[in-house]
Amino acid sequence: MELRLNIEGATPEELARGVAAAEAVFARAGITALQGAEGLFALEGWDIKGFPEDDKPTEDEDQAATVWLEADEAATTACCAGWPEDNIPRHQVMELINVPRTKLQAEAIPDTWPARKQLYPDVVKRLEVLAQVEEMARKALSDWTIEIDRDPCDAHVFDPAAGEDGEELRMAAWRDFDGSLLMEKPPANPAIALTLAMMRGQSMHFE
């Protein structure tokens, strides 16, 4: 089992630096990368099922998912140190490779493995789509300013052109600009947050 970074244009040395930074995050947290991935899968699976109250991820899974996202951010920061801001990816860049299915099955919680196994294809498909969200947003809102927060996950889009009342058009995914909440909980990851903010921004802009 090993971590791999998907960062276009990175040199082998930069990628190795990023992986080392991610591994350091897992080491400090006292969990393995596999446990982090399992936590993320649990969180994404809960998202796919519509956040049912009776099927929340466990506290350990939630914490492991948070560590994975922190490791992913650390990997990006370390790998892309000194890069132009526009070239730094804002989506998740890490994945686990060379993980036999038997190992995943052995380390998953036995009594939930069958249900979780059925979720994996949907989760993988979702993650593949999410990796493209930021690129789509920047193309769809080419003249807008886009900001992404990772902890807690949120996103903001700003239309530089003033609205009819002279106010700048702006939308958030989770916490609105006046402090009110648009959702009970922050989105599960930055890409979902950006999708929400983008859709809200576009609906306001083109209504």
Protein backbone atom coordinates (compact mmCIF):
# COMPACT_ATOMS: atom_id res chain seq x y z
CA MET A 1 0.00 0.00 0.00
CA GLU A 2 1.32 3.45 -0.86
CA LEU A 3 0.14 6.97 -1.37
CA ARG A 4 0.20 8.55 -4.80
CA LEU A 5 -0.33 12.20 -5.71
CA ASN A 6 -2.09 13.26 -8.89
CA ILE A 7 -0.57 16.69 -9.50
CA GLU A 8 0.01 17.65 -13.10
CA GLY A 9 3.46 19.03 -13.86
CA ALA A 10 5.07 17.97 -10.57
CA THR A 11 8.56 16.49 -10.66
CA PRO A 12 9.36 13.16 -8.97
CA GLU A 13 11.18 15.09 -6.24
CA GLU A 14 8.20 17.36 -5.64
CA LEU A 15 5.81 14.40 -5.54
CA ALA A 16 8.06 12.61 -3.05
CA ARG A 17 8.11 15.73 -0.89
CA GLY A 18 4.32 15.86 -0.95
CA VAL A 19 3.94 12.20 -0.03
CA ALA A 20 6.37 12.63 2.86
CA ALA A 21 4.33 15.56 4.17
CA ALA A 22 1.12 13.53 3.99
CA GLU A 23 2.70 10.57 5.75
CA ALA A 24 3.88 12.90 8.52
CA VAL A 25 0.29 14.04 9.10
CA PHE A 26 -0.90 10.44 9.43
CA ALA A 27 2.00 9.66 11.77
CA ARG A 28 1.20 12.61 14.03
CA ALA A 29 -2.46 11.58 14.14
CA GLY A 30 -1.55 7.98 14.96
CA ILE A 31 -3.51 6.42 12.10
CA THR A 32 -2.65 4.79 8.80
CA ALA A 33 -3.42 6.19 5.38
CA LEU A 34 -5.79 3.26 4.92
CA GLN A 35 -7.73 4.26 8.01
CA GLY A 36 -7.92 7.79 6.68
CA ALA A 37 -9.26 6.55 3.35
CA GLU A 38 -11.80 4.35 5.13
CA GLY A 39 -12.99 7.35 7.10
CA LEU A 40 -13.34 9.39 3.92
CA PHE A 41 -15.26 6.56 2.24
CA ALA A 42 -17.63 6.42 5.21
CA LEU A 43 -18.20 10.18 5.06
CA GLU A 44 -18.73 10.19 1.30
CA GLY A 45 -21.06 7.20 1.57
CA TRP A 46 -23.14 9.04 4.16
CA ASP A 47 -23.27 12.02 1.80
CA ILE A 48 -24.41 9.84 -1.11
CA LYS A 49 -27.22 8.40 1.00
CA GLY A 50 -28.46 11.88 1.93
CA PHE A 51 -27.01 12.23 5.45
CA PRO A 52 -29.43 9.85 7.25
CA GLU A 53 -29.40 10.47 10.99
CA ASP A 54 -29.36 6.75 11.78
CA ASP A 55 -26.31 6.01 9.64
CA LYS A 56 -23.78 8.67 10.56
CA PRO A 57 -20.06 7.83 10.37
CA THR A 58 -18.58 6.94 13.73
CA GLU A 59 -16.51 9.49 15.59
CA ASP A 60 -13.36 7.54 14.67
CA GLU A 61 -14.34 7.54 10.98
CA ASP A 62 -15.11 11.25 11.06
CA GLN A 63 -11.75 12.00 12.67
CA ALA A 64 -9.93 9.74 10.21
CA ALA A 65 -11.59 11.54 7.28
CA THR A 66 -10.46 14.87 8.72
CA VAL A 67 -6.90 13.59 8.99
CA TRP A 68 -7.03 12.39 5.37
CA LEU A 69 -8.11 15.85 4.19
CA GLU A 70 -5.40 17.48 6.31
CA ALA A 71 -2.83 15.11 4.83
CA ASP A 72 -4.08 15.86 1.34
CA GLU A 73 -3.71 19.59 1.94
CA ALA A 74 -0.24 19.11 3.44
CA ALA A 75 0.79 17.05 0.42
CA THR A 76 -0.36 19.76 -1.98
CA THR A 77 1.37 22.50 -0.01
CA ALA A 78 4.66 20.62 0.20
CA CYS A 79 4.65 19.40 -3.38
CA CYS A 80 3.71 22.74 -4.88
CA ALA A 81 5.88 24.98 -2.70
CA GLY A 82 7.01 27.95 -4.78
CA TRP A 83 4.53 27.30 -7.60
CA PRO A 84 2.44 30.09 -9.14
CA GLU A 85 -0.87 30.28 -7.29
CA ASP A 86 -2.90 29.50 -10.41
CA ASN A 87 -1.04 26.20 -10.92
CA ILE A 88 -1.72 24.81 -7.44
CA PRO A 89 -4.58 22.26 -7.48
CA ARG A 90 -7.54 22.96 -5.19
CA HIS A 91 -9.07 19.50 -5.35
CA GLN A 92 -8.06 16.33 -3.56
CA VAL A 93 -4.81 14.96 -4.99
CA MET A 94 -4.10 11.80 -2.97
CA GLU A 95 -5.05 8.20 -3.62
CA LEU A 96 -4.04 4.80 -2.30
CA ILE A 97 -2.61 2.31 -4.74
CA ASN A 98 -1.56 -1.34 -4.57
CA VAL A 99 -4.15 -2.10 -1.88
CA PRO A 100 -5.39 -5.70 -2.28
CA ARG A 101 -9.12 -6.00 -1.80
CA THR A 102 -8.51 -8.61 0.88
CA LYS A 103 -6.58 -6.06 2.97
CA LEU A 104 -9.30 -3.46 2.64
CA GLN A 105 -11.84 -6.07 3.63
CA ALA A 106 -9.74 -7.28 6.55
CA GLU A 107 -9.29 -3.80 7.99
CA ALA A 108 -12.87 -2.66 7.44
CA ILE A 109 -15.36 -3.10 10.25
CA PRO A 110 -16.64 -6.68 9.68
CA ASP A 111 -20.31 -6.13 10.39
CA THR A 112 -20.57 -3.15 8.00
CA TRP A 113 -18.28 -4.37 5.22
CA PRO A 114 -20.97 -5.76 2.83
CA ALA A 115 -22.94 -2.49 2.84
CA ARG A 116 -19.83 -0.37 2.55
CA LYS A 117 -18.45 -2.49 -0.27
CA GLN A 118 -21.59 -1.75 -2.29
CA LEU A 119 -20.97 1.97 -1.84
CA TYR A 120 -17.39 1.92 -3.13
CA PRO A 121 -18.17 2.19 -6.89
CA ASP A 122 -20.45 5.16 -6.25
CA VAL A 123 -17.89 6.79 -3.98
CA VAL A 124 -15.09 6.35 -6.50
CA LYS A 125 -17.27 7.80 -9.25
CA ARG A 126 -18.17 10.74 -7.03
CA LEU A 127 -14.54 11.45 -6.18
CA GLU A 128 -13.55 11.32 -9.85
CA VAL A 129 -16.22 13.88 -10.65
CA LEU A 130 -15.32 16.08 -7.69
CA ALA A 131 -11.74 16.33 -8.90
CA GLN A 132 -13.03 18.25 -11.92
CA VAL A 133 -15.34 20.64 -10.08
CA GLU A 134 -12.93 23.51 -9.62
CA GLU A 135 -11.88 23.49 -13.26
CA MET A 136 -15.55 23.52 -14.26
CA ALA A 137 -16.30 26.37 -11.86
CA ARG A 138 -13.47 28.53 -13.14
CA LYS A 139 -14.62 28.00 -16.72
CA ALA A 140 -18.30 28.61 -15.94
CA LEU A 141 -17.56 31.67 -13.79
CA SER A 142 -14.51 32.95 -15.62
CA ASP A 143 -14.96 36.54 -14.45
CA TRP A 144 -15.83 35.67 -10.86
CA THR A 145 -13.59 35.45 -7.82
CA ILE A 146 -13.61 31.97 -6.24
CA GLU A 147 -12.46 31.21 -2.70
CA ILE A 148 -12.32 27.74 -1.13
CA ASP A 149 -12.06 26.88 2.57
CA ARG A 150 -11.01 23.43 3.77
CA ASP A 151 -11.68 23.48 7.52
CA PRO A 152 -14.59 23.64 7.80
CA CYS A 153 -15.32 23.10 4.13
CA ASP A 154 -16.94 26.12 2.49
CA ALA A 155 -16.67 28.11 -0.72
CA HIS A 156 -17.48 31.64 -1.84
CA VAL A 157 -18.03 33.12 -5.29
CA PHE A 158 -18.05 36.84 -6.07
CA ASP A 159 -19.34 38.53 -9.20
CA PRO A 160 -17.22 41.64 -9.81
CA ALA A 161 -20.09 43.28 -11.68
CA ALA A 162 -22.45 45.10 -9.32
CA GLY A 163 -26.08 44.08 -9.12
CA GLU A 164 -29.03 46.39 -9.76
CA ASP A 165 -28.79 47.81 -6.23
CA GLY A 166 -25.08 48.49 -6.62
CA GLU A 167 -24.12 45.63 -4.35
CA GLU A 168 -21.60 43.02 -5.36
CA LEU A 169 -23.20 39.64 -6.13
CA ARG A 170 -21.75 36.97 -3.88
CA MET A 171 -22.78 33.56 -2.64
CA ALA A 172 -21.47 31.05 -0.12
CA ALA A 173 -21.96 27.31 0.21
CA TRP A 174 -22.42 26.97 3.97
CA ARG A 175 -21.94 30.13 6.04
CA ASP A 176 -23.43 33.22 4.45
CA PHE A 177 -21.62 36.54 4.57
CA ASP A 178 -23.88 37.88 7.34
CA GLY A 179 -22.99 34.90 9.53
CA SER A 180 -26.21 32.99 8.98
CA LEU A 181 -26.03 29.32 7.96
CA LEU A 182 -27.30 28.17 4.60
CA MET A 183 -26.93 24.52 5.68
CA GLU A 184 -27.07 22.85 9.07
CA LYS A 185 -23.58 21.39 8.63
CA PRO A 186 -20.66 22.32 6.35
CA PRO A 187 -20.29 20.30 3.14
CA ALA A 188 -18.34 17.04 3.29
CA ASN A 189 -15.46 18.36 1.18
CA PRO A 190 -14.31 21.51 -0.65
CA ALA A 191 -15.49 20.33 -4.06
CA ILE A 192 -19.07 19.86 -2.85
CA ALA A 193 -18.88 23.29 -1.21
CA LEU A 194 -17.69 24.88 -4.45
CA THR A 195 -20.47 23.19 -6.43
CA LEU A 196 -23.09 24.57 -4.04
CA ALA A 197 -21.66 28.09 -4.08
CA MET A 198 -21.32 28.04 -7.87
CA MET A 199 -24.91 26.88 -8.40
CA ARG A 200 -26.27 29.45 -5.96
CA GLY A 201 -24.18 32.17 -7.57
CA GLN A 202 -25.29 31.28 -11.07
CA SER A 203 -28.96 31.01 -10.09
CA MET A 204 -28.81 34.52 -8.61
CA HIS A 205 -26.80 35.91 -11.51
CA PHE A 206 -29.08 34.60 -14.24
CA GLU A 207 -32.52 34.80 -12.60
